[in-house]
Amino acid sequence: MLDFIEAPDHAIAVRLSGKITGDDLSRVMDRLDRLMTETGKVHVFVETEGIDAIEIKSLPSHFARAMPLFGKLDRFGRVAVVADQPWMRFATRLESALLPGISYRTYLPEERDEALAWALGTSNE
């Protein structure tokens, strides 16, 4: 399930839980595509809770749609991921290592407010 969280015009903030569907991924990509055309740097906040499934049949079309973003990596700013599951935090750290130049941070659920403030640029850090 996907819920968008209110965010400034230069950011995307989402909460994901349970099963992630192709529709969820499409909605995120729609918003990201819009931000890429309207703003400079795009900052990202992702909060996950109890991810138990990802709709496999939607992944090929999602990856095809996401591939052009590799040419726009310099457009990504801060990426904060709050995850209650260790495997999700590990996957985020792995992604961070594979995509240098993007500032990633992972957080525990109790650090959510700090993570949101950092991703949206409202913290003092």
PDB file of N, CA and C in Angstrom:
ATOM      1  N   MET A   1       0.827  -1.169   0.000  1.00  0.00           N
ATOM      2  CA  MET A   1       0.000   0.000   0.000  1.00  0.00           C
ATOM      3  C   MET A   1       0.879   1.243   0.000  1.00  0.00           C
ATOM      4  N   LEU A   2       0.455   2.259  -0.694  1.00  0.00           N
ATOM      5  CA  LEU A   2       1.194   3.512  -0.830  1.00  0.00           C
ATOM      6  C   LEU A   2       0.338   4.671  -0.353  1.00  0.00           C
ATOM      7  N   ASP A   3       0.961   5.543   0.421  1.00  0.00           N
ATOM      8  CA  ASP A   3       0.348   6.813   0.797  1.00  0.00           C
ATOM      9  C   ASP A   3       1.378   7.894   0.538  1.00  0.00           C
ATOM     10  N   PHE A   4       0.945   8.979  -0.103  1.00  0.00           N
ATOM     11  CA  PHE A   4       1.825  10.127  -0.245  1.00  0.00           C
ATOM     12  C   PHE A   4       1.732  10.960   1.023  1.00  0.00           C
ATOM     13  N   ILE A   5       2.864  11.502   1.417  1.00  0.00           N
ATOM     14  CA  ILE A   5       2.960  12.382   2.575  1.00  0.00           C
ATOM     15  C   ILE A   5       3.159  13.791   2.035  1.00  0.00           C
ATOM     16  N   GLU A   6       2.524  14.757   2.669  1.00  0.00           N
ATOM     17  CA  GLU A   6       2.669  16.137   2.211  1.00  0.00           C
ATOM     18  C   GLU A   6       4.144  16.531   2.212  1.00  0.00           C
ATOM     19  N   ALA A   7       4.564  17.146   1.122  1.00  0.00           N
ATOM     20  CA  ALA A   7       5.972  17.543   0.961  1.00  0.00           C
ATOM     21  C   ALA A   7       6.040  18.814   0.126  1.00  0.00           C
ATOM     22  N   PRO A   8       7.127  19.565   0.265  1.00  0.00           N
ATOM     23  CA  PRO A   8       7.299  20.756  -0.576  1.00  0.00           C
ATOM     24  C   PRO A   8       7.436  20.373  -2.052  1.00  0.00           C
ATOM     25  N   ASP A   9       7.385  21.359  -2.915  1.00  0.00           N
ATOM     26  CA  ASP A   9       7.416  21.128  -4.363  1.00  0.00           C
ATOM     27  C   ASP A   9       8.699  20.466  -4.864  1.00  0.00           C
ATOM     28  N   HIS A  10       9.772  20.517  -4.093  1.00  0.00           N
ATOM     29  CA  HIS A  10      11.052  19.949  -4.525  1.00  0.00           C
ATOM     30  C   HIS A  10      11.293  18.541  -3.974  1.00  0.00           C
ATOM     31  N   ALA A  11      10.244  17.913  -3.426  1.00  0.00           N
ATOM     32  CA  ALA A  11      10.434  16.617  -2.775  1.00  0.00           C
ATOM     33  C   ALA A  11       9.257  15.684  -3.021  1.00  0.00           C
ATOM     34  N   ILE A  12       9.552  14.412  -2.852  1.00  0.00           N
ATOM     35  CA  ILE A  12       8.515  13.388  -2.870  1.00  0.00           C
ATOM     36  C   ILE A  12       8.655  12.626  -1.554  1.00  0.00           C
ATOM     37  N   ALA A  13       7.538  12.403  -0.889  1.00  0.00           N
ATOM     38  CA  ALA A  13       7.536  11.684   0.380  1.00  0.00           C
ATOM     39  C   ALA A  13       6.429  10.635   0.335  1.00  0.00           C
ATOM     40  N   VAL A  14       6.806   9.394   0.629  1.00  0.00           N
ATOM     41  CA  VAL A  14       5.844   8.295   0.554  1.00  0.00           C
ATOM     42  C   VAL A  14       5.965   7.374   1.760  1.00  0.00           C
ATOM     43  N   ARG A  15       4.854   6.717   2.055  1.00  0.00           N
ATOM     44  CA  ARG A  15       4.805   5.677   3.073  1.00  0.00           C
ATOM     45  C   ARG A  15       4.341   4.404   2.368  1.00  0.00           C
ATOM     46  N   LEU A  16       5.125   3.348   2.506  1.00  0.00           N
ATOM     47  CA  LEU A  16       4.808   2.059   1.896  1.00  0.00           C
ATOM     48  C   LEU A  16       4.654   1.020   2.992  1.00  0.00           C
ATOM     49  N   SER A  17       3.649   0.168   2.830  1.00  0.00           N
ATOM     50  CA  SER A  17       3.461  -0.910   3.788  1.00  0.00           C
ATOM     51  C   SER A  17       2.790  -2.094   3.092  1.00  0.00           C
ATOM     52  N   GLY A  18       2.945  -3.251   3.724  1.00  0.00           N
ATOM     53  CA  GLY A  18       2.301  -4.450   3.184  1.00  0.00           C
ATOM     54  C   GLY A  18       2.819  -4.820   1.813  1.00  0.00           C
ATOM     55  N   LYS A  19       1.909  -4.982   0.870  1.00  0.00           N
ATOM     56  CA  LYS A  19       2.261  -5.369  -0.496  1.00  0.00           C
ATOM     57  C   LYS A  19       2.437  -4.121  -1.369  1.00  0.00           C
ATOM     58  N   ILE A  20       3.542  -4.074  -2.098  1.00  0.00           N
ATOM     59  CA  ILE A  20       3.793  -2.991  -3.046  1.00  0.00           C
ATOM     60  C   ILE A  20       3.334  -3.475  -4.416  1.00  0.00           C
ATOM     61  N   THR A  21       2.394  -2.750  -5.003  1.00  0.00           N
ATOM     62  CA  THR A  21       1.818  -3.166  -6.286  1.00  0.00           C
ATOM     63  C   THR A  21       2.409  -2.366  -7.448  1.00  0.00           C
ATOM     64  N   GLY A  22       2.118  -2.820  -8.634  1.00  0.00           N
ATOM     65  CA  GLY A  22       2.525  -2.085  -9.836  1.00  0.00           C
ATOM     66  C   GLY A  22       1.897  -0.709  -9.879  1.00  0.00           C
ATOM     67  N   ASP A  23       0.657  -0.608  -9.429  1.00  0.00           N
ATOM     68  CA  ASP A  23      -0.011   0.695  -9.375  1.00  0.00           C
ATOM     69  C   ASP A  23       0.721   1.631  -8.417  1.00  0.00           C
ATOM     70  N   ASP A  24       1.171   1.114  -7.271  1.00  0.00           N
ATOM     71  CA  ASP A  24       1.942   1.931  -6.328  1.00  0.00           C
ATOM     72  C   ASP A  24       3.203   2.472  -7.003  1.00  0.00           C
ATOM     73  N   LEU A  25       3.934   1.597  -7.682  1.00  0.00           N
ATOM     74  CA  LEU A  25       5.168   2.009  -8.344  1.00  0.00           C
ATOM     75  C   LEU A  25       4.890   3.029  -9.446  1.00  0.00           C
ATOM     76  N   SER A  26       3.812   2.843 -10.184  1.00  0.00           N
ATOM     77  CA  SER A  26       3.449   3.797 -11.244  1.00  0.00           C
ATOM     78  C   SER A  26       3.112   5.169 -10.674  1.00  0.00           C
ATOM     79  N   ARG A  27       2.401   5.189  -9.567  1.00  0.00           N
ATOM     80  CA  ARG A  27       2.051   6.469  -8.942  1.00  0.00           C
ATOM     81  C   ARG A  27       3.299   7.213  -8.465  1.00  0.00           C
ATOM     82  N   VAL A  28       4.259   6.480  -7.906  1.00  0.00           N
ATOM     83  CA  VAL A  28       5.516   7.107  -7.479  1.00  0.00           C
ATOM     84  C   VAL A  28       6.259   7.650  -8.700  1.00  0.00           C
ATOM     85  N   MET A  29       6.332   6.858  -9.759  1.00  0.00           N
ATOM     86  CA  MET A  29       7.039   7.307 -10.969  1.00  0.00           C
ATOM     87  C   MET A  29       6.343   8.501 -11.604  1.00  0.00           C
ATOM     88  N   ASP A  30       5.021   8.528 -11.608  1.00  0.00           N
ATOM     89  CA  ASP A  30       4.290   9.681 -12.149  1.00  0.00           C
ATOM     90  C   ASP A  30       4.679  10.949 -11.401  1.00  0.00           C
ATOM     91  N   ARG A  31       4.687  10.874 -10.085  1.00  0.00           N
ATOM     92  CA  ARG A  31       5.035  12.044  -9.275  1.00  0.00           C
ATOM     93  C   ARG A  31       6.500  12.419  -9.484  1.00  0.00           C
ATOM     94  N   LEU A  32       7.374  11.437  -9.536  1.00  0.00           N
ATOM     95  CA  LEU A  32       8.799  11.712  -9.741  1.00  0.00           C
ATOM     96  C   LEU A  32       9.052  12.333 -11.106  1.00  0.00           C
ATOM     97  N   ASP A  33       8.397  11.823 -12.137  1.00  0.00           N
ATOM     98  CA  ASP A  33       8.529  12.410 -13.481  1.00  0.00           C
ATOM     99  C   ASP A  33       8.098  13.868 -13.488  1.00  0.00           C
ATOM    100  N   ARG A  34       6.992  14.162 -12.809  1.00  0.00           N
ATOM    101  CA  ARG A  34       6.514  15.547 -12.742  1.00  0.00           C
ATOM    102  C   ARG A  34       7.530  16.439 -12.035  1.00  0.00           C
ATOM    103  N   LEU A  35       8.066  15.972 -10.921  1.00  0.00           N
ATOM    104  CA  LEU A  35       9.047  16.763 -10.190  1.00  0.00           C
ATOM    105  C   LEU A  35      10.318  16.985 -11.007  1.00  0.00           C
ATOM    106  N   MET A  36      10.722  15.978 -11.756  1.00  0.00           N
ATOM    107  CA  MET A  36      11.940  16.101 -12.567  1.00  0.00           C
ATOM    108  C   MET A  36      11.786  17.184 -13.639  1.00  0.00           C
ATOM    109  N   THR A  37      10.585  17.411 -14.112  1.00  0.00           N
ATOM    110  CA  THR A  37      10.386  18.446 -15.129  1.00  0.00           C
ATOM    111  C   THR A  37      10.156  19.822 -14.520  1.00  0.00           C
ATOM    112  N   GLU A  38       9.749  19.870 -13.253  1.00  0.00           N
ATOM    113  CA  GLU A  38       9.375  21.148 -12.641  1.00  0.00           C
ATOM    114  C   GLU A  38      10.408  21.742 -11.700  1.00  0.00           C
ATOM    115  N   THR A  39      11.348  20.952 -11.190  1.00  0.00           N
ATOM    116  CA  THR A  39      12.267  21.456 -10.169  1.00  0.00           C
ATOM    117  C   THR A  39      13.707  21.137 -10.508  1.00  0.00           C
ATOM    118  N   GLY A  40      14.609  21.676  -9.702  1.00  0.00           N
ATOM    119  CA  GLY A  40      16.035  21.373  -9.830  1.00  0.00           C
ATOM    120  C   GLY A  40      16.320  20.034  -9.182  1.00  0.00           C
ATOM    121  N   LYS A  41      16.859  20.069  -7.973  1.00  0.00           N
ATOM    122  CA  LYS A  41      17.117  18.841  -7.215  1.00  0.00           C
ATOM    123  C   LYS A  41      15.812  18.309  -6.638  1.00  0.00           C
ATOM    124  N   VAL A  42      15.692  17.001  -6.639  1.00  0.00           N
ATOM    125  CA  VAL A  42      14.525  16.336  -6.063  1.00  0.00           C
ATOM    126  C   VAL A  42      15.004  15.556  -4.841  1.00  0.00           C
ATOM    127  N   HIS A  43      14.348  15.793  -3.711  1.00  0.00           N
ATOM    128  CA  HIS A  43      14.679  15.096  -2.476  1.00  0.00           C
ATOM    129  C   HIS A  43      13.596  14.057  -2.205  1.00  0.00           C
ATOM    130  N   VAL A  44      13.999  12.962  -1.559  1.00  0.00           N
ATOM    131  CA  VAL A  44      13.095  11.816  -1.418  1.00  0.00           C
ATOM    132  C   VAL A  44      13.053  11.351   0.036  1.00  0.00           C
ATOM    133  N   PHE A  45      11.846  11.118   0.521  1.00  0.00           N
ATOM    134  CA  PHE A  45      11.625  10.509   1.832  1.00  0.00           C
ATOM    135  C   PHE A  45      10.761   9.276   1.610  1.00  0.00           C
ATOM    136  N   VAL A  46      11.234   8.137   2.110  1.00  0.00           N
ATOM    137  CA  VAL A  46      10.478   6.886   2.005  1.00  0.00           C
ATOM    138  C   VAL A  46      10.391   6.272   3.396  1.00  0.00           C
ATOM    139  N   GLU A  47       9.175   5.983   3.800  1.00  0.00           N
ATOM    140  CA  GLU A  47       8.948   5.310   5.072  1.00  0.00           C
ATOM    141  C   GLU A  47       8.318   3.961   4.760  1.00  0.00           C
ATOM    142  N   THR A  48       8.948   2.890   5.234  1.00  0.00           N
ATOM    143  CA  THR A  48       8.402   1.557   4.986  1.00  0.00           C
ATOM    144  C   THR A  48       8.042   0.909   6.311  1.00  0.00           C
ATOM    145  N   GLU A  49       6.976   0.128   6.252  1.00  0.00           N
ATOM    146  CA  GLU A  49       6.552  -0.602   7.445  1.00  0.00           C
ATOM    147  C   GLU A  49       5.977  -1.940   7.015  1.00  0.00           C
ATOM    148  N   GLY A  50       6.595  -2.999   7.491  1.00  0.00           N
ATOM    149  CA  GLY A  50       6.064  -4.334   7.254  1.00  0.00           C
ATOM    150  C   GLY A  50       5.887  -4.694   5.794  1.00  0.00           C
ATOM    151  N   ILE A  51       6.882  -4.399   4.970  1.00  0.00           N
ATOM    152  CA  ILE A  51       6.798  -4.801   3.557  1.00  0.00           C
ATOM    153  C   ILE A  51       6.824  -6.325   3.517  1.00  0.00           C
ATOM    154  N   ASP A  52       5.774  -6.909   2.970  1.00  0.00           N
ATOM    155  CA  ASP A  52       5.731  -8.369   2.932  1.00  0.00           C
ATOM    156  C   ASP A  52       5.641  -8.935   1.517  1.00  0.00           C
ATOM    157  N   ALA A  53       5.489  -8.066   0.526  1.00  0.00           N
ATOM    158  CA  ALA A  53       5.423  -8.568  -0.853  1.00  0.00           C
ATOM    159  C   ALA A  53       5.593  -7.406  -1.831  1.00  0.00           C
ATOM    160  N   ILE A  54       6.176  -7.742  -2.970  1.00  0.00           N
ATOM    161  CA  ILE A  54       6.271  -6.816  -4.091  1.00  0.00           C
ATOM    162  C   ILE A  54       5.704  -7.552  -5.294  1.00  0.00           C
ATOM    163  N   GLU A  55       4.793  -6.908  -5.988  1.00  0.00           N
ATOM    164  CA  GLU A  55       4.145  -7.518  -7.154  1.00  0.00           C
ATOM    165  C   GLU A  55       5.188  -7.728  -8.258  1.00  0.00           C
ATOM    166  N   ILE A  56       5.627  -8.955  -8.417  1.00  0.00           N
ATOM    167  CA  ILE A  56       6.707  -9.297  -9.343  1.00  0.00           C
ATOM    168  C   ILE A  56       6.350  -8.989 -10.793  1.00  0.00           C
ATOM    169  N   LYS A  57       5.121  -9.231 -11.203  1.00  0.00           N
ATOM    170  CA  LYS A  57       4.749  -9.054 -12.610  1.00  0.00           C
ATOM    171  C   LYS A  57       4.899  -7.608 -13.075  1.00  0.00           C
ATOM    172  N   SER A  58       4.903  -6.652 -12.138  1.00  0.00           N
ATOM    173  CA  SER A  58       5.012  -5.241 -12.523  1.00  0.00           C
ATOM    174  C   SER A  58       6.454  -4.765 -12.608  1.00  0.00           C
ATOM    175  N   LEU A  59       7.405  -5.551 -12.125  1.00  0.00           N
ATOM    176  CA  LEU A  59       8.789  -5.087 -12.072  1.00  0.00           C
ATOM    177  C   LEU A  59       9.424  -4.812 -13.441  1.00  0.00           C
ATOM    178  N   PRO A  60       9.222  -5.651 -14.463  1.00  0.00           N
ATOM    179  CA  PRO A  60       9.844  -5.330 -15.756  1.00  0.00           C
ATOM    180  C   PRO A  60       9.424  -3.966 -16.311  1.00  0.00           C
ATOM    181  N   SER A  61       8.148  -3.647 -16.244  1.00  0.00           N
ATOM    182  CA  SER A  61       7.717  -2.350 -16.766  1.00  0.00           C
ATOM    183  C   SER A  61       8.208  -1.216 -15.869  1.00  0.00           C
ATOM    184  N   HIS A  62       8.285  -1.454 -14.560  1.00  0.00           N
ATOM    185  CA  HIS A  62       8.809  -0.426 -13.659  1.00  0.00           C
ATOM    186  C   HIS A  62      10.280  -0.159 -13.949  1.00  0.00           C
ATOM    187  N   PHE A  63      11.068  -1.221 -14.107  1.00  0.00           N
ATOM    188  CA  PHE A  63      12.493  -1.034 -14.399  1.00  0.00           C
ATOM    189  C   PHE A  63      12.684  -0.314 -15.728  1.00  0.00           C
ATOM    190  N   ALA A  64      11.892  -0.657 -16.724  1.00  0.00           N
ATOM    191  CA  ALA A  64      12.000   0.028 -18.022  1.00  0.00           C
ATOM    192  C   ALA A  64      11.691   1.518 -17.871  1.00  0.00           C
ATOM    193  N   ARG A  65      10.722   1.825 -17.062  1.00  0.00           N
ATOM    194  CA  ARG A  65      10.359   3.233 -16.847  1.00  0.00           C
ATOM    195  C   ARG A  65      11.400   3.958 -16.000  1.00  0.00           C
ATOM    196  N   ALA A  66      12.050   3.250 -15.089  1.00  0.00           N
ATOM    197  CA  ALA A  66      13.040   3.861 -14.200  1.00  0.00           C
ATOM    198  C   ALA A  66      14.408   4.023 -14.858  1.00  0.00           C
ATOM    199  N   MET A  67      14.712   3.272 -15.896  1.00  0.00           N
ATOM    200  CA  MET A  67      16.040   3.325 -16.520  1.00  0.00           C
ATOM    201  C   MET A  67      16.473   4.738 -16.934  1.00  0.00           C
ATOM    202  N   PRO A  68      15.620   5.564 -17.512  1.00  0.00           N
ATOM    203  CA  PRO A  68      16.059   6.916 -17.878  1.00  0.00           C
ATOM    204  C   PRO A  68      16.533   7.759 -16.688  1.00  0.00           C
ATOM    205  N   LEU A  69      16.139   7.382 -15.480  1.00  0.00           N
ATOM    206  CA  LEU A  69      16.572   8.135 -14.301  1.00  0.00           C
ATOM    207  C   LEU A  69      18.071   8.014 -14.057  1.00  0.00           C
ATOM    208  N   PHE A  70      18.702   6.961 -14.583  1.00  0.00           N
ATOM    209  CA  PHE A  70      20.148   6.822 -14.423  1.00  0.00           C
ATOM    210  C   PHE A  70      20.896   7.970 -15.092  1.00  0.00           C
ATOM    211  N   GLY A  71      20.305   8.557 -16.104  1.00  0.00           N
ATOM    212  CA  GLY A  71      20.909   9.719 -16.756  1.00  0.00           C
ATOM    213  C   GLY A  71      20.636  11.015 -16.019  1.00  0.00           C
ATOM    214  N   LYS A  72      19.843  10.943 -14.948  1.00  0.00           N
ATOM    215  CA  LYS A  72      19.474  12.138 -14.186  1.00  0.00           C
ATOM    216  C   LYS A  72      19.878  12.020 -12.716  1.00  0.00           C
ATOM    217  N   LEU A  73      20.859  11.190 -12.409  1.00  0.00           N
ATOM    218  CA  LEU A  73      21.240  10.974 -11.020  1.00  0.00           C
ATOM    219  C   LEU A  73      21.674  12.262 -10.338  1.00  0.00           C
ATOM    220  N   ASP A  74      22.237  13.186 -11.116  1.00  0.00           N
ATOM    221  CA  ASP A  74      22.677  14.459 -10.536  1.00  0.00           C
ATOM    222  C   ASP A  74      21.506  15.327 -10.091  1.00  0.00           C
ATOM    223  N   ARG A  75      20.304  14.958 -10.460  1.00  0.00           N
ATOM    224  CA  ARG A  75      19.104  15.710 -10.084  1.00  0.00           C
ATOM    225  C   ARG A  75      18.550  15.279  -8.726  1.00  0.00           C
ATOM    226  N   PHE A  76      19.074  14.167  -8.188  1.00  0.00           N
ATOM    227  CA  PHE A  76      18.625  13.706  -6.880  1.00  0.00           C
ATOM    228  C   PHE A  76      19.464  14.343  -5.791  1.00  0.00           C
ATOM    229  N   GLY A  77      18.802  14.798  -4.739  1.00  0.00           N
ATOM    230  CA  GLY A  77      19.481  15.387  -3.594  1.00  0.00           C
ATOM    231  C   GLY A  77      19.521  14.393  -2.449  1.00  0.00           C
ATOM    232  N   ARG A  78      18.866  14.729  -1.371  1.00  0.00           N
ATOM    233  CA  ARG A  78      18.849  13.889  -0.173  1.00  0.00           C
ATOM    234  C   ARG A  78      17.788  12.793  -0.309  1.00  0.00           C
ATOM    235  N   VAL A  79      18.172  11.579   0.105  1.00  0.00           N
ATOM    236  CA  VAL A  79      17.244  10.446   0.127  1.00  0.00           C
ATOM    237  C   VAL A  79      17.278   9.851   1.529  1.00  0.00           C
ATOM    238  N   ALA A  80      16.161   9.899   2.223  1.00  0.00           N
ATOM    239  CA  ALA A  80      16.054   9.315   3.562  1.00  0.00           C
ATOM    240  C   ALA A  80      15.080   8.148   3.505  1.00  0.00           C
ATOM    241  N   VAL A  81      15.507   7.031   4.069  1.00  0.00           N
ATOM    242  CA  VAL A  81      14.650   5.847   4.121  1.00  0.00           C
ATOM    243  C   VAL A  81      14.503   5.421   5.575  1.00  0.00           C
ATOM    244  N   VAL A  82      13.269   5.398   6.034  1.00  0.00           N
ATOM    245  CA  VAL A  82      12.935   4.914   7.372  1.00  0.00           C
ATOM    246  C   VAL A  82      12.362   3.518   7.190  1.00  0.00           C
ATOM    247  N   ALA A  83      12.975   2.545   7.845  1.00  0.00           N
ATOM    248  CA  ALA A  83      12.525   1.163   7.649  1.00  0.00           C
ATOM    249  C   ALA A  83      12.536   0.398   8.963  1.00  0.00           C
ATOM    250  N   ASP A  84      11.478  -0.339   9.189  1.00  0.00           N
ATOM    251  CA  ASP A  84      11.406  -1.177  10.380  1.00  0.00           C
ATOM    252  C   ASP A  84      12.057  -2.542  10.148  1.00  0.00           C
ATOM    253  N   GLN A  85      12.390  -2.859   8.906  1.00  0.00           N
ATOM    254  CA  GLN A  85      12.962  -4.164   8.588  1.00  0.00           C
ATOM    255  C   GLN A  85      14.447  -4.018   8.213  1.00  0.00           C
ATOM    256  N   PRO A  86      15.320  -4.799   8.861  1.00  0.00           N
ATOM    257  CA  PRO A  86      16.755  -4.708   8.565  1.00  0.00           C
ATOM    258  C   PRO A  86      17.092  -4.920   7.085  1.00  0.00           C
ATOM    259  N   TRP A  87      16.373  -5.820   6.402  1.00  0.00           N
ATOM    260  CA  TRP A  87      16.689  -6.079   4.998  1.00  0.00           C
ATOM    261  C   TRP A  87      16.446  -4.850   4.136  1.00  0.00           C
ATOM    262  N   MET A  88      15.457  -4.032   4.500  1.00  0.00           N
ATOM    263  CA  MET A  88      15.173  -2.819   3.745  1.00  0.00           C
ATOM    264  C   MET A  88      16.278  -1.780   3.963  1.00  0.00           C
ATOM    265  N   ARG A  89      16.759  -1.649   5.198  1.00  0.00           N
ATOM    266  CA  ARG A  89      17.860  -0.721   5.458  1.00  0.00           C
ATOM    267  C   ARG A  89      19.118  -1.184   4.734  1.00  0.00           C
ATOM    268  N   PHE A  90      19.368  -2.508   4.712  1.00  0.00           N
ATOM    269  CA  PHE A  90      20.516  -3.048   3.990  1.00  0.00           C
ATOM    270  C   PHE A  90      20.401  -2.766   2.492  1.00  0.00           C
ATOM    271  N   ALA A  91      19.232  -2.994   1.924  1.00  0.00           N
ATOM    272  CA  ALA A  91      19.022  -2.750   0.489  1.00  0.00           C
ATOM    273  C   ALA A  91      19.244  -1.274   0.159  1.00  0.00           C
ATOM    274  N   THR A  92      18.839  -0.385   1.062  1.00  0.00           N
ATOM    275  CA  THR A  92      19.049   1.044   0.843  1.00  0.00           C
ATOM    276  C   THR A  92      20.535   1.379   0.862  1.00  0.00           C
ATOM    277  N   ARG A  93      21.266   0.812   1.806  1.00  0.00           N
ATOM    278  CA  ARG A  93      22.717   1.055   1.860  1.00  0.00           C
ATOM    279  C   ARG A  93      23.401   0.512   0.608  1.00  0.00           C
ATOM    280  N   LEU A  94      22.956  -0.629   0.129  1.00  0.00           N
ATOM    281  CA  LEU A  94      23.509  -1.199  -1.098  1.00  0.00           C
ATOM    282  C   LEU A  94      23.229  -0.280  -2.282  1.00  0.00           C
ATOM    283  N   GLU A  95      22.005   0.192  -2.392  1.00  0.00           N
ATOM    284  CA  GLU A  95      21.649   1.113  -3.465  1.00  0.00           C
ATOM    285  C   GLU A  95      22.496   2.382  -3.382  1.00  0.00           C
ATOM    286  N   SER A  96      22.720   2.873  -2.186  1.00  0.00           N
ATOM    287  CA  SER A  96      23.540   4.064  -1.988  1.00  0.00           C
ATOM    288  C   SER A  96      24.959   3.849  -2.503  1.00  0.00           C
ATOM    289  N   ALA A  97      25.508   2.675  -2.243  1.00  0.00           N
ATOM    290  CA  ALA A  97      26.865   2.371  -2.707  1.00  0.00           C
ATOM    291  C   ALA A  97      26.932   2.278  -4.227  1.00  0.00           C
ATOM    292  N   LEU A  98      25.836   1.830  -4.843  1.00  0.00           N
ATOM    293  CA  LEU A  98      25.811   1.683  -6.301  1.00  0.00           C
ATOM    294  C   LEU A  98      25.517   2.995  -7.025  1.00  0.00           C
ATOM    295  N   LEU A  99      24.987   3.980  -6.306  1.00  0.00           N
ATOM    296  CA  LEU A  99      24.616   5.261  -6.911  1.00  0.00           C
ATOM    297  C   LEU A  99      25.348   6.405  -6.207  1.00  0.00           C
ATOM    298  N   PRO A 100      26.649   6.506  -6.447  1.00  0.00           N
ATOM    299  CA  PRO A 100      27.406   7.563  -5.773  1.00  0.00           C
ATOM    300  C   PRO A 100      26.923   8.941  -6.213  1.00  0.00           C
ATOM    301  N   GLY A 101      27.112   9.893  -5.330  1.00  0.00           N
ATOM    302  CA  GLY A 101      26.709  11.252  -5.643  1.00  0.00           C
ATOM    303  C   GLY A 101      25.345  11.609  -5.101  1.00  0.00           C
ATOM    304  N   ILE A 102      24.582  10.608  -4.680  1.00  0.00           N
ATOM    305  CA  ILE A 102      23.286  10.856  -4.051  1.00  0.00           C
ATOM    306  C   ILE A 102      23.482  10.656  -2.553  1.00  0.00           C
ATOM    307  N   SER A 103      23.013  11.584  -1.780  1.00  0.00           N
ATOM    308  CA  SER A 103      23.184  11.531  -0.332  1.00  0.00           C
ATOM    309  C   SER A 103      22.060  10.709   0.302  1.00  0.00           C
ATOM    310  N   TYR A 104      22.371   9.480   0.674  1.00  0.00           N
ATOM    311  CA  TYR A 104      21.406   8.568   1.290  1.00  0.00           C
ATOM    312  C   TYR A 104      21.642   8.493   2.792  1.00  0.00           C
ATOM    313  N   ARG A 105      20.560   8.338   3.531  1.00  0.00           N
ATOM    314  CA  ARG A 105      20.632   8.018   4.952  1.00  0.00           C
ATOM    315  C   ARG A 105      19.500   7.052   5.269  1.00  0.00           C
ATOM    316  N   THR A 106      19.795   6.096   6.151  1.00  0.00           N
ATOM    317  CA  THR A 106      18.764   5.175   6.616  1.00  0.00           C
ATOM    318  C   THR A 106      18.471   5.465   8.081  1.00  0.00           C
ATOM    319  N   TYR A 107      17.235   5.237   8.462  1.00  0.00           N
ATOM    320  CA  TYR A 107      16.784   5.546   9.810  1.00  0.00           C
ATOM    321  C   TYR A 107      15.896   4.439  10.341  1.00  0.00           C
ATOM    322  N   LEU A 108      15.858   4.339  11.655  1.00  0.00           N
ATOM    323  CA  LEU A 108      14.922   3.455  12.342  1.00  0.00           C
ATOM    324  C   LEU A 108      13.590   4.182  12.499  1.00  0.00           C
ATOM    325  N   PRO A 109      12.508   3.450  12.729  1.00  0.00           N
ATOM    326  CA  PRO A 109      11.195   4.095  12.843  1.00  0.00           C
ATOM    327  C   PRO A 109      11.139   5.206  13.904  1.00  0.00           C
ATOM    328  N   GLU A 110      11.838   5.036  15.012  1.00  0.00           N
ATOM    329  CA  GLU A 110      11.799   6.060  16.050  1.00  0.00           C
ATOM    330  C   GLU A 110      12.548   7.344  15.653  1.00  0.00           C
ATOM    331  N   GLU A 111      13.258   7.312  14.526  1.00  0.00           N
ATOM    332  CA  GLU A 111      13.976   8.486  14.018  1.00  0.00           C
ATOM    333  C   GLU A 111      13.247   9.137  12.847  1.00  0.00           C
ATOM    334  N   ARG A 112      11.977   8.779  12.664  1.00  0.00           N
ATOM    335  CA  ARG A 112      11.205   9.238  11.520  1.00  0.00           C
ATOM    336  C   ARG A 112      11.186  10.749  11.355  1.00  0.00           C
ATOM    337  N   ASP A 113      10.903  11.476  12.416  1.00  0.00           N
ATOM    338  CA  ASP A 113      10.802  12.935  12.313  1.00  0.00           C
ATOM    339  C   ASP A 113      12.125  13.551  11.882  1.00  0.00           C
ATOM    340  N   GLU A 114      13.216  13.044  12.428  1.00  0.00           N
ATOM    341  CA  GLU A 114      14.553  13.511  12.040  1.00  0.00           C
ATOM    342  C   GLU A 114      14.801  13.226  10.553  1.00  0.00           C
ATOM    343  N   ALA A 115      14.427  12.033  10.113  1.00  0.00           N
ATOM    344  CA  ALA A 115      14.627  11.646   8.715  1.00  0.00           C
ATOM    345  C   ALA A 115      13.822  12.540   7.775  1.00  0.00           C
ATOM    346  N   LEU A 116      12.581  12.792   8.115  1.00  0.00           N
ATOM    347  CA  LEU A 116      11.724  13.636   7.276  1.00  0.00           C
ATOM    348  C   LEU A 116      12.286  15.052   7.199  1.00  0.00           C
ATOM    349  N   ALA A 117      12.700  15.598   8.322  1.00  0.00           N
ATOM    350  CA  ALA A 117      13.270  16.950   8.338  1.00  0.00           C
ATOM    351  C   ALA A 117      14.542  17.018   7.499  1.00  0.00           C
ATOM    352  N   TRP A 118      15.383  15.998   7.594  1.00  0.00           N
ATOM    353  CA  TRP A 118      16.629  16.002   6.815  1.00  0.00           C
ATOM    354  C   TRP A 118      16.313  15.905   5.320  1.00  0.00           C
ATOM    355  N   ALA A 119      15.439  14.985   4.946  1.00  0.00           N
ATOM    356  CA  ALA A 119      15.129  14.794   3.526  1.00  0.00           C
ATOM    357  C   ALA A 119      14.497  16.035   2.921  1.00  0.00           C
ATOM    358  N   LEU A 120      13.633  16.693   3.666  1.00  0.00           N
ATOM    359  CA  LEU A 120      12.917  17.846   3.131  1.00  0.00           C
ATOM    360  C   LEU A 120      13.688  19.145   3.304  1.00  0.00           C
ATOM    361  N   GLY A 121      14.852  19.071   3.957  1.00  0.00           N
ATOM    362  CA  GLY A 121      15.691  20.252   4.103  1.00  0.00           C
ATOM    363  C   GLY A 121      15.244  21.202   5.189  1.00  0.00           C
ATOM    364  N   THR A 122      14.524  20.688   6.188  1.00  0.00           N
ATOM    365  CA  THR A 122      14.065  21.556   7.262  1.00  0.00           C
ATOM    366  C   THR A 122      14.820  21.333   8.564  1.00  0.00           C
ATOM    367  N   SER A 123      15.846  20.480   8.547  1.00  0.00           N
ATOM    368  CA  SER A 123      16.640  20.241   9.754  1.00  0.00           C
ATOM    369  C   SER A 123      17.821  21.211   9.779  1.00  0.00           C
ATOM    370  N   ASN A 124      18.510  21.234  10.882  1.00  0.00           N
ATOM    371  CA  ASN A 124      19.681  22.114  11.027  1.00  0.00           C
ATOM    372  C   ASN A 124      20.964  21.451  10.553  1.00  0.00           C
ATOM    373  N   GLU A 125      20.894  20.237  10.061  1.00  0.00           N
ATOM    374  CA  GLU A 125      22.103  19.535   9.596  1.00  0.00           C
ATOM    375  C   GLU A 125      22.509  19.982   8.227  1.00  0.00           C
TER     376      GLU A 125
END
